[in-house]
Amino acid sequence: MAASGHPHLNIQIRHEKRGTSEWCSRNQNLGNWGGAIVAIHQTTRRLFDEGVAAYVKNELKTSIRLFTRALKNDSKFELAYVSRGAAYLKLKKSKKAIADFNRAINLYPRYARAFHLRGLAYEKMGDTARAYQDFDRALEIDPDYGPAYHSRNSLISEGAQADFSLEELDIINHLMAMRISHLDENAESDELAA
């Protein structure tokens, strides 16, 4: 884990000293740089959190700007790429969304949500074959990821893969039943603990 405590932080800091550039990364002895890295991490996190708040308020252009600023501080922050991609997707800028989802997947190839969202972008572009592949990949990574089943079933319902429609609905129903059962068990545990 980085000195900042953030596993995704991989920042390099340039320090001018006697006309030369010195680079300090999390993999080197941080010495006096530790405080600077923590400050940059805090700024990155604040920008990201503000971007999420703007996204929730449907201020999509503001959220994109904030996620972009966060990514300037940490170019390996895959959640910021996925979040910015989601904002692009809502703005119907599918190509930009796909580029961000690709970056997130390159950084973290087992990110089911990134595959799912990229599949949605492909679907919006009319590329149902790629969309279906991405929904499948999301489910290979996380077989309990319900939104990917729903999206894949939507493609199936539209005729892209009609042979699997009933099977998909059965899986979605099974997952929902498991989730409801799990919530009921947690509620009972909470009541017993109280």
Protein backbone atom coordinates (compact mmCIF):
# COMPACT_ATOMS: atom_id res chain seq x y z
CA MET A 1 0.00 0.00 0.00
CA ALA A 2 1.23 3.48 -0.81
CA ALA A 3 2.39 5.80 1.93
CA SER A 4 -0.81 7.74 1.42
CA GLY A 5 -2.90 4.73 2.37
CA HIS A 6 -4.60 4.62 -1.04
CA PRO A 7 -3.90 1.44 -3.04
CA HIS A 8 -4.60 3.14 -6.38
CA LEU A 9 -2.34 6.11 -5.84
CA ASN A 10 0.73 6.07 -8.03
CA ILE A 11 1.80 9.68 -8.21
CA GLN A 12 5.12 11.03 -9.27
CA ILE A 13 6.23 14.38 -7.91
CA ARG A 14 8.79 16.55 -9.68
CA HIS A 15 11.01 18.65 -7.53
CA GLU A 16 13.32 21.25 -9.02
CA LYS A 17 16.67 21.27 -7.27
CA ARG A 18 19.81 22.87 -8.68
CA GLY A 19 18.35 22.81 -12.19
CA THR A 20 17.68 19.05 -12.17
CA SER A 21 14.47 17.15 -11.82
CA GLU A 22 14.13 14.62 -9.07
CA TRP A 23 11.27 12.15 -9.18
CA CYS A 24 9.79 10.51 -6.18
CA SER A 25 7.27 7.68 -6.42
CA ARG A 26 5.59 5.43 -3.89
CA ASN A 27 8.14 2.73 -4.62
CA GLN A 28 11.08 4.82 -3.39
CA ASN A 29 12.09 6.15 0.00
CA LEU A 30 9.62 8.99 0.47
CA GLY A 31 11.46 10.90 3.16
CA ASN A 32 10.08 14.45 3.24
CA TRP A 33 7.82 13.71 0.30
CA GLY A 34 5.35 11.69 2.36
CA GLY A 35 3.37 14.77 3.43
CA ALA A 36 3.21 16.06 -0.15
CA ILE A 37 1.89 12.74 -1.40
CA VAL A 38 -0.75 12.61 1.33
CA ALA A 39 -1.84 16.16 0.40
CA ILE A 40 -2.09 15.21 -3.28
CA HIS A 41 -4.06 12.08 -2.36
CA GLN A 42 -6.44 14.15 -0.25
CA THR A 43 -6.91 16.59 -3.13
CA THR A 44 -7.51 13.70 -5.54
CA ARG A 45 -10.05 12.14 -3.21
CA ARG A 46 -11.80 15.48 -2.65
CA LEU A 47 -12.01 16.08 -6.43
CA PHE A 48 -13.36 12.57 -6.94
CA ASP A 49 -15.95 12.94 -4.17
CA GLU A 50 -17.04 16.32 -5.59
CA GLY A 51 -17.30 14.67 -9.02
CA VAL A 52 -19.56 11.97 -7.60
CA ALA A 53 -21.72 14.60 -5.87
CA ALA A 54 -22.04 16.53 -9.16
CA TYR A 55 -22.91 13.29 -10.99
CA VAL A 56 -25.65 12.50 -8.47
CA LYS A 57 -27.08 16.01 -9.00
CA ASN A 58 -26.99 15.32 -12.76
CA GLU A 59 -24.37 18.06 -13.24
CA LEU A 60 -22.57 15.84 -15.70
CA LYS A 61 -20.21 18.37 -17.30
CA THR A 62 -19.06 19.48 -13.84
CA SER A 63 -18.55 15.86 -12.77
CA ILE A 64 -16.47 15.17 -15.89
CA ARG A 65 -14.30 18.22 -15.18
CA LEU A 66 -13.75 17.11 -11.56
CA PHE A 67 -12.99 13.49 -12.49
CA THR A 68 -10.53 14.76 -15.11
CA ARG A 69 -8.76 16.90 -12.50
CA ALA A 70 -8.59 13.90 -10.14
CA LEU A 71 -7.10 11.81 -12.96
CA LYS A 72 -4.42 14.45 -13.55
CA ASN A 73 -3.28 13.75 -9.97
CA ASP A 74 -3.59 9.97 -10.27
CA SER A 75 -3.68 8.53 -13.77
CA LYS A 76 -4.16 5.01 -12.38
CA PHE A 77 -7.38 5.75 -10.45
CA GLU A 78 -9.63 3.30 -12.33
CA LEU A 79 -12.76 4.27 -10.40
CA ALA A 80 -12.38 7.85 -11.66
CA TYR A 81 -12.17 6.56 -15.25
CA VAL A 82 -15.31 4.47 -14.78
CA SER A 83 -17.13 7.37 -13.14
CA ARG A 84 -16.14 9.82 -15.87
CA GLY A 85 -17.12 7.21 -18.46
CA ALA A 86 -20.53 6.86 -16.83
CA ALA A 87 -21.01 10.64 -17.07
CA TYR A 88 -20.02 10.58 -20.75
CA LEU A 89 -22.46 7.73 -21.27
CA LYS A 90 -25.31 9.75 -19.75
CA LEU A 91 -24.38 12.61 -22.08
CA LYS A 92 -24.62 10.18 -25.03
CA LYS A 93 -20.89 10.44 -25.75
CA SER A 94 -20.41 6.71 -26.13
CA LYS A 95 -16.98 6.83 -27.79
CA LYS A 96 -15.51 8.89 -24.95
CA ALA A 97 -17.21 6.62 -22.44
CA ILE A 98 -15.75 3.53 -24.09
CA ALA A 99 -12.27 5.10 -24.04
CA ASP A 100 -12.55 5.63 -20.27
CA PHE A 101 -13.92 2.15 -19.65
CA ASN A 102 -11.03 0.74 -21.71
CA ARG A 103 -8.55 2.64 -19.53
CA ALA A 104 -10.17 1.27 -16.37
CA ILE A 105 -10.15 -2.27 -17.76
CA ASN A 106 -6.48 -1.94 -18.75
CA LEU A 107 -5.66 -0.88 -15.19
CA TYR A 108 -7.87 -3.53 -13.57
CA PRO A 109 -8.90 -6.33 -15.96
CA ARG A 110 -11.25 -7.94 -13.41
CA TYR A 111 -13.48 -4.87 -13.02
CA ALA A 112 -16.95 -6.30 -13.79
CA ARG A 113 -18.69 -2.94 -13.60
CA ALA A 114 -16.35 -1.44 -16.22
CA PHE A 115 -17.20 -4.28 -18.61
CA HIS A 116 -20.91 -3.85 -17.92
CA LEU A 117 -20.85 -0.11 -18.51
CA ARG A 118 -18.75 -0.50 -21.65
CA GLY A 119 -21.35 -2.99 -22.84
CA LEU A 120 -24.05 -0.37 -22.29
CA ALA A 121 -22.04 2.10 -24.37
CA TYR A 122 -21.65 -0.43 -27.17
CA GLU A 123 -25.38 -1.11 -26.99
CA LYS A 124 -26.13 2.62 -27.36
CA MET A 125 -23.89 2.65 -30.44
CA GLY A 126 -25.85 -0.27 -31.89
CA ASP A 127 -23.02 -2.80 -31.51
CA THR A 128 -25.06 -5.50 -29.77
CA ALA A 129 -22.46 -8.23 -30.36
CA ARG A 130 -19.78 -6.33 -28.41
CA ALA A 131 -22.33 -5.33 -25.79
CA TYR A 132 -23.30 -8.95 -25.28
CA GLN A 133 -19.62 -9.97 -25.02
CA ASP A 134 -19.00 -7.32 -22.37
CA PHE A 135 -22.06 -8.34 -20.36
CA ASP A 136 -20.84 -11.95 -20.55
CA ARG A 137 -17.34 -10.93 -19.43
CA ALA A 138 -18.78 -8.98 -16.48
CA LEU A 139 -20.68 -12.12 -15.45
CA GLU A 140 -17.61 -14.33 -15.84
CA ILE A 141 -15.80 -12.03 -13.43
CA ASP A 142 -18.71 -11.67 -11.01
CA PRO A 143 -21.50 -14.24 -11.47
CA ASP A 144 -23.64 -12.38 -8.89
CA TYR A 145 -23.53 -9.04 -10.74
CA GLY A 146 -27.26 -8.60 -11.35
CA PRO A 147 -27.15 -5.46 -13.54
CA ALA A 148 -25.19 -7.37 -16.20
CA TYR A 149 -27.85 -10.09 -16.26
CA HIS A 150 -30.51 -7.42 -16.64
CA SER A 151 -28.65 -5.70 -19.48
CA ARG A 152 -27.94 -8.95 -21.24
CA ASN A 153 -31.58 -9.93 -20.91
CA SER A 154 -32.61 -6.59 -22.42
CA LEU A 155 -30.50 -7.41 -25.47
CA ILE A 156 -32.04 -10.86 -25.58
CA SER A 157 -35.56 -9.44 -25.30
CA GLU A 158 -34.82 -7.19 -28.26
CA GLY A 159 -34.02 -10.30 -30.31
CA ALA A 160 -30.22 -10.27 -30.24
CA GLN A 161 -29.99 -13.70 -28.59
CA ALA A 162 -33.59 -14.93 -28.32
CA ASP A 163 -32.66 -18.55 -27.44
CA PHE A 164 -31.39 -17.58 -23.98
CA SER A 165 -34.18 -15.28 -22.80
CA LEU A 166 -35.92 -17.68 -20.40
CA GLU A 167 -32.63 -18.90 -18.95
CA GLU A 168 -31.57 -15.32 -18.28
CA LEU A 169 -34.85 -14.53 -16.53
CA ASP A 170 -34.45 -17.61 -14.34
CA ILE A 171 -30.95 -16.49 -13.32
CA ILE A 172 -32.14 -12.96 -12.53
CA ASN A 173 -35.02 -14.32 -10.46
CA HIS A 174 -32.67 -16.68 -8.61
CA LEU A 175 -30.23 -13.87 -7.82
CA MET A 176 -33.01 -11.61 -6.61
CA ALA A 177 -34.34 -14.37 -4.35
CA MET A 178 -30.83 -14.92 -2.96
CA ARG A 179 -30.44 -11.18 -2.33
CA ILE A 180 -33.81 -10.93 -0.57
CA SER A 181 -32.96 -13.98 1.55
CA HIS A 182 -29.60 -12.43 2.46
CA LEU A 183 -31.28 -9.14 3.43
CA ASP A 184 -33.83 -11.02 5.57
CA GLU A 185 -31.02 -12.89 7.35
CA ASN A 186 -29.16 -9.64 8.04
CA ALA A 187 -32.32 -8.00 9.38
CA GLU A 188 -32.88 -10.95 11.75
CA SER A 189 -29.25 -10.76 12.93
CA ASP A 190 -29.63 -7.03 13.56
CA GLU A 191 -32.80 -7.60 15.57
CA LEU A 192 -31.11 -10.29 17.69
CA ALA A 193 -28.11 -8.06 18.32
CA ALA A 194 -30.36 -5.21 19.47
